[in-house]
C-alpha cells in the first residue's frame, strides 16, 4: 500500500497536471494506478485533489494574503500545488500543523529548486 507521503506526491502531481490542462477522470485513474496508489490511498488522493479544486479560490485567497506582494502567479506551478495541498490539509484540522509543514517542505525538496523549501516553510509558518 502506498504511504501518505506517496499519496501527497500524487496529489501535487495531479494539481500540476490540472494547471497544465490534463485532469480528466481517466487521466487521474491511470496516473494513480501507474504510481501504484490503490484502494484507500487512491480514494484519499482522488478526493483530496477534487476537494482542493472545489475550494481553490478560498485556498488561493489564504495563500495570496501570505505572499509578500500577493501575486500568486509569481509562485511556481509545483510550489503552488504544494502550498495548496498544505493549506487544504491545515483547514481540515486532522493533522498537526508541524507535520503538514514538514511534509510540504519534504515535497519541495523532492520536486522543486533549492530555494523552494525555505519559501514554502516561510509561507506556511505564517498561516495561523
C-alpha atoms as a PDB file:
ATOM      1  CA  UNK A   1       0.000   0.000   0.000  1.00  0.00           C
ATOM      2  CA  UNK A   2       1.186   3.481  -0.818  1.00  0.00           C
ATOM      3  CA  UNK A   3       2.212   5.758   2.034  1.00  0.00           C
ATOM      4  CA  UNK A   4       0.527   9.056   2.880  1.00  0.00           C
ATOM      5  CA  UNK A   5       3.645  10.781   1.538  1.00  0.00           C
ATOM      6  CA  UNK A   6       3.274   8.999  -1.804  1.00  0.00           C
ATOM      7  CA  UNK A   7      -0.400   9.961  -1.898  1.00  0.00           C
ATOM      8  CA  UNK A   8       0.573  13.590  -1.257  1.00  0.00           C
ATOM      9  CA  UNK A   9       3.148  13.416  -4.071  1.00  0.00           C
ATOM     10  CA  UNK A  10       0.399  12.151  -6.353  1.00  0.00           C
ATOM     11  CA  UNK A  11      -1.960  14.973  -5.356  1.00  0.00           C
ATOM     12  CA  UNK A  12       0.758  17.544  -6.080  1.00  0.00           C
ATOM     13  CA  UNK A  13       1.342  15.912  -9.469  1.00  0.00           C
ATOM     14  CA  UNK A  14      -2.389  15.918 -10.228  1.00  0.00           C
ATOM     15  CA  UNK A  15      -2.657  19.603  -9.287  1.00  0.00           C
ATOM     16  CA  UNK A  16       0.296  20.327 -11.568  1.00  0.00           C
ATOM     17  CA  UNK A  17      -1.282  18.325 -14.406  1.00  0.00           C
ATOM     18  CA  UNK A  18      -4.564  20.174 -13.887  1.00  0.00           C
ATOM     19  CA  UNK A  19      -2.824  23.533 -14.341  1.00  0.00           C
ATOM     20  CA  UNK A  20      -1.227  22.162 -17.499  1.00  0.00           C
ATOM     21  CA  UNK A  21      -4.652  21.058 -18.802  1.00  0.00           C
ATOM     22  CA  UNK A  22      -4.696  17.308 -18.048  1.00  0.00           C
ATOM     23  CA  UNK A  23      -7.069  16.194 -15.334  1.00  0.00           C
ATOM     24  CA  UNK A  24      -9.790  14.026 -16.805  1.00  0.00           C
ATOM     25  CA  UNK A  25     -11.158  11.206 -14.655  1.00  0.00           C
ATOM     26  CA  UNK A  26      -9.447   8.717 -16.941  1.00  0.00           C
ATOM     27  CA  UNK A  27      -6.116  10.537 -16.568  1.00  0.00           C
ATOM     28  CA  UNK A  28      -6.468  10.608 -12.775  1.00  0.00           C
ATOM     29  CA  UNK A  29      -7.217   6.877 -12.583  1.00  0.00           C
ATOM     30  CA  UNK A  30      -4.373   5.957 -14.932  1.00  0.00           C
ATOM     31  CA  UNK A  31      -1.902   8.206 -13.123  1.00  0.00           C
ATOM     32  CA  UNK A  32      -2.753   6.835  -9.687  1.00  0.00           C
ATOM     33  CA  UNK A  33      -2.556   3.271 -10.984  1.00  0.00           C
ATOM     34  CA  UNK A  34       0.823   3.969 -12.591  1.00  0.00           C
ATOM     35  CA  UNK A  35       2.093   5.298  -9.249  1.00  0.00           C
ATOM     36  CA  UNK A  36       0.709   2.172  -7.548  1.00  0.00           C
ATOM     37  CA  UNK A  37      -1.648   4.209  -5.410  1.00  0.00           C
ATOM     38  CA  UNK A  38      -4.598   1.940  -4.874  1.00  0.00           C
ATOM     39  CA  UNK A  39      -7.545   1.205  -2.616  1.00  0.00           C
ATOM     40  CA  UNK A  40      -7.956   3.576   0.327  1.00  0.00           C
ATOM     41  CA  UNK A  41      -4.995   5.768  -0.662  1.00  0.00           C
ATOM     42  CA  UNK A  42      -6.337   6.089  -4.216  1.00  0.00           C
ATOM     43  CA  UNK A  43      -9.700   7.230  -2.910  1.00  0.00           C
ATOM     44  CA  UNK A  44      -7.990   9.584  -0.466  1.00  0.00           C
ATOM     45  CA  UNK A  45      -5.725  11.113  -3.142  1.00  0.00           C
ATOM     46  CA  UNK A  46      -8.533  11.471  -5.674  1.00  0.00           C
ATOM     47  CA  UNK A  47     -10.916  13.005  -3.114  1.00  0.00           C
ATOM     48  CA  UNK A  48      -8.243  15.405  -1.836  1.00  0.00           C
ATOM     49  CA  UNK A  49      -7.451  16.517  -5.382  1.00  0.00           C
ATOM     50  CA  UNK A  50     -11.111  17.182  -6.160  1.00  0.00           C
ATOM     51  CA  UNK A  51     -11.728  18.971  -2.855  1.00  0.00           C
ATOM     52  CA  UNK A  52      -8.744  21.247  -3.422  1.00  0.00           C
ATOM     53  CA  UNK A  53     -10.099  22.165  -6.852  1.00  0.00           C
ATOM     54  CA  UNK A  54     -13.529  22.832  -5.347  1.00  0.00           C
ATOM     55  CA  UNK A  55     -12.009  25.120  -2.694  1.00  0.00           C
ATOM     56  CA  UNK A  56      -9.207  26.545  -4.813  1.00  0.00           C
ATOM     57  CA  UNK A  57     -10.492  30.137  -4.687  1.00  0.00           C
ATOM     58  CA  UNK A  58     -10.643  30.073  -0.881  1.00  0.00           C
ATOM     59  CA  UNK A  59      -7.239  28.383  -0.640  1.00  0.00           C
ATOM     60  CA  UNK A  60      -5.707  30.884  -3.055  1.00  0.00           C
ATOM     61  CA  UNK A  61      -7.068  33.821  -1.039  1.00  0.00           C
ATOM     62  CA  UNK A  62      -5.317  32.465   2.053  1.00  0.00           C
ATOM     63  CA  UNK A  63      -2.159  31.940   0.033  1.00  0.00           C
ATOM     64  CA  UNK A  64      -2.269  35.431  -1.511  1.00  0.00           C
ATOM     65  CA  UNK A  65      -2.660  37.041   1.890  1.00  0.00           C
ATOM     66  CA  UNK A  66       0.619  35.438   2.990  1.00  0.00           C
ATOM     67  CA  UNK A  67       2.681  36.326  -0.059  1.00  0.00           C
ATOM     68  CA  UNK A  68       4.881  39.403   0.035  1.00  0.00           C
ATOM     69  CA  UNK A  69       3.216  41.034  -2.969  1.00  0.00           C
ATOM     70  CA  UNK A  70       0.034  38.940  -3.014  1.00  0.00           C
ATOM     71  CA  UNK A  71       0.714  37.781  -6.572  1.00  0.00           C
ATOM     72  CA  UNK A  72       0.123  34.046  -6.778  1.00  0.00           C
ATOM     73  CA  UNK A  73       1.121  33.959 -10.460  1.00  0.00           C
ATOM     74  CA  UNK A  74       4.746  34.583  -9.467  1.00  0.00           C
ATOM     75  CA  UNK A  75       4.814  31.334  -7.479  1.00  0.00           C
ATOM     76  CA  UNK A  76       5.985  28.316  -9.483  1.00  0.00           C
ATOM     77  CA  UNK A  77       3.339  25.791 -10.514  1.00  0.00           C
ATOM     78  CA  UNK A  78       4.763  22.968  -8.384  1.00  0.00           C
ATOM     79  CA  UNK A  79       5.238  25.266  -5.395  1.00  0.00           C
ATOM     80  CA  UNK A  80       1.628  26.452  -5.779  1.00  0.00           C
ATOM     81  CA  UNK A  81       0.447  22.843  -5.828  1.00  0.00           C
ATOM     82  CA  UNK A  82       2.398  22.023  -2.666  1.00  0.00           C
ATOM     83  CA  UNK A  83       1.106  25.136  -0.903  1.00  0.00           C
ATOM     84  CA  UNK A  84      -2.494  24.450  -1.947  1.00  0.00           C
ATOM     85  CA  UNK A  85      -2.290  20.911  -0.610  1.00  0.00           C
ATOM     86  CA  UNK A  86      -0.785  22.064   2.687  1.00  0.00           C
ATOM     87  CA  UNK A  87      -3.306  24.883   3.167  1.00  0.00           C
ATOM     88  CA  UNK A  88      -6.131  22.458   2.403  1.00  0.00           C
ATOM     89  CA  UNK A  89      -4.793  19.949   4.946  1.00  0.00           C
ATOM     90  CA  UNK A  90      -4.429  22.720   7.548  1.00  0.00           C
ATOM     91  CA  UNK A  91      -8.071  23.676   7.028  1.00  0.00           C
ATOM     92  CA  UNK A  92      -9.189  20.140   7.876  1.00  0.00           C
ATOM     93  CA  UNK A  93      -7.516  20.169  11.281  1.00  0.00           C
ATOM     94  CA  UNK A  94      -6.965  16.386  11.196  1.00  0.00           C
ATOM     95  CA  UNK A  95      -3.172  16.569  11.168  1.00  0.00           C
ATOM     96  CA  UNK A  96      -0.796  18.623  13.297  1.00  0.00           C
ATOM     97  CA  UNK A  97       0.378  21.808  11.529  1.00  0.00           C
ATOM     98  CA  UNK A  98       4.021  20.933  12.119  1.00  0.00           C
ATOM     99  CA  UNK A  99       3.554  17.606  10.322  1.00  0.00           C
ATOM    100  CA  UNK A 100       1.814  19.300   7.390  1.00  0.00           C
ATOM    101  CA  UNK A 101       4.554  21.919   7.087  1.00  0.00           C
ATOM    102  CA  UNK A 102       7.279  19.266   7.334  1.00  0.00           C
ATOM    103  CA  UNK A 103       5.601  17.175   4.624  1.00  0.00           C
ATOM    104  CA  UNK A 104       5.283  20.234   2.370  1.00  0.00           C
ATOM    105  CA  UNK A 105       8.960  21.084   2.865  1.00  0.00           C
ATOM    106  CA  UNK A 106       9.932  17.472   2.092  1.00  0.00           C
ATOM    107  CA  UNK A 107       7.827  17.548  -1.081  1.00  0.00           C
ATOM    108  CA  UNK A 108       9.524  20.795  -2.072  1.00  0.00           C
ATOM    109  CA  UNK A 109      12.959  19.237  -1.508  1.00  0.00           C
ATOM    110  CA  UNK A 110      11.998  16.345  -3.792  1.00  0.00           C
ATOM    111  CA  UNK A 111      10.162  18.249  -6.511  1.00  0.00           C
ATOM    112  CA  UNK A 112      11.462  21.820  -6.718  1.00  0.00           C
ATOM    113  CA  UNK A 113      14.521  24.061  -6.623  1.00  0.00           C
ATOM    114  CA  UNK A 114      16.888  24.553  -3.706  1.00  0.00           C
ATOM    115  CA  UNK A 115      15.207  27.786  -2.564  1.00  0.00           C
ATOM    116  CA  UNK A 116      11.637  26.494  -2.595  1.00  0.00           C
ATOM    117  CA  UNK A 117      11.660  24.514   0.686  1.00  0.00           C
ATOM    118  CA  UNK A 118      12.619  27.643   2.627  1.00  0.00           C
ATOM    119  CA  UNK A 119       9.959  29.701   0.809  1.00  0.00           C
ATOM    120  CA  UNK A 120       7.254  27.095   1.444  1.00  0.00           C
ATOM    121  CA  UNK A 121       8.247  26.798   5.107  1.00  0.00           C
ATOM    122  CA  UNK A 122       8.055  30.582   5.494  1.00  0.00           C
ATOM    123  CA  UNK A 123       4.653  30.933   3.858  1.00  0.00           C
ATOM    124  CA  UNK A 124       3.075  28.026   5.726  1.00  0.00           C
ATOM    125  CA  UNK A 125       4.652  29.045   9.021  1.00  0.00           C
ATOM    126  CA  UNK A 126       2.962  32.448   8.757  1.00  0.00           C
ATOM    127  CA  UNK A 127      -0.508  30.951   8.352  1.00  0.00           C
ATOM    128  CA  UNK A 128      -2.395  30.811  11.636  1.00  0.00           C
END
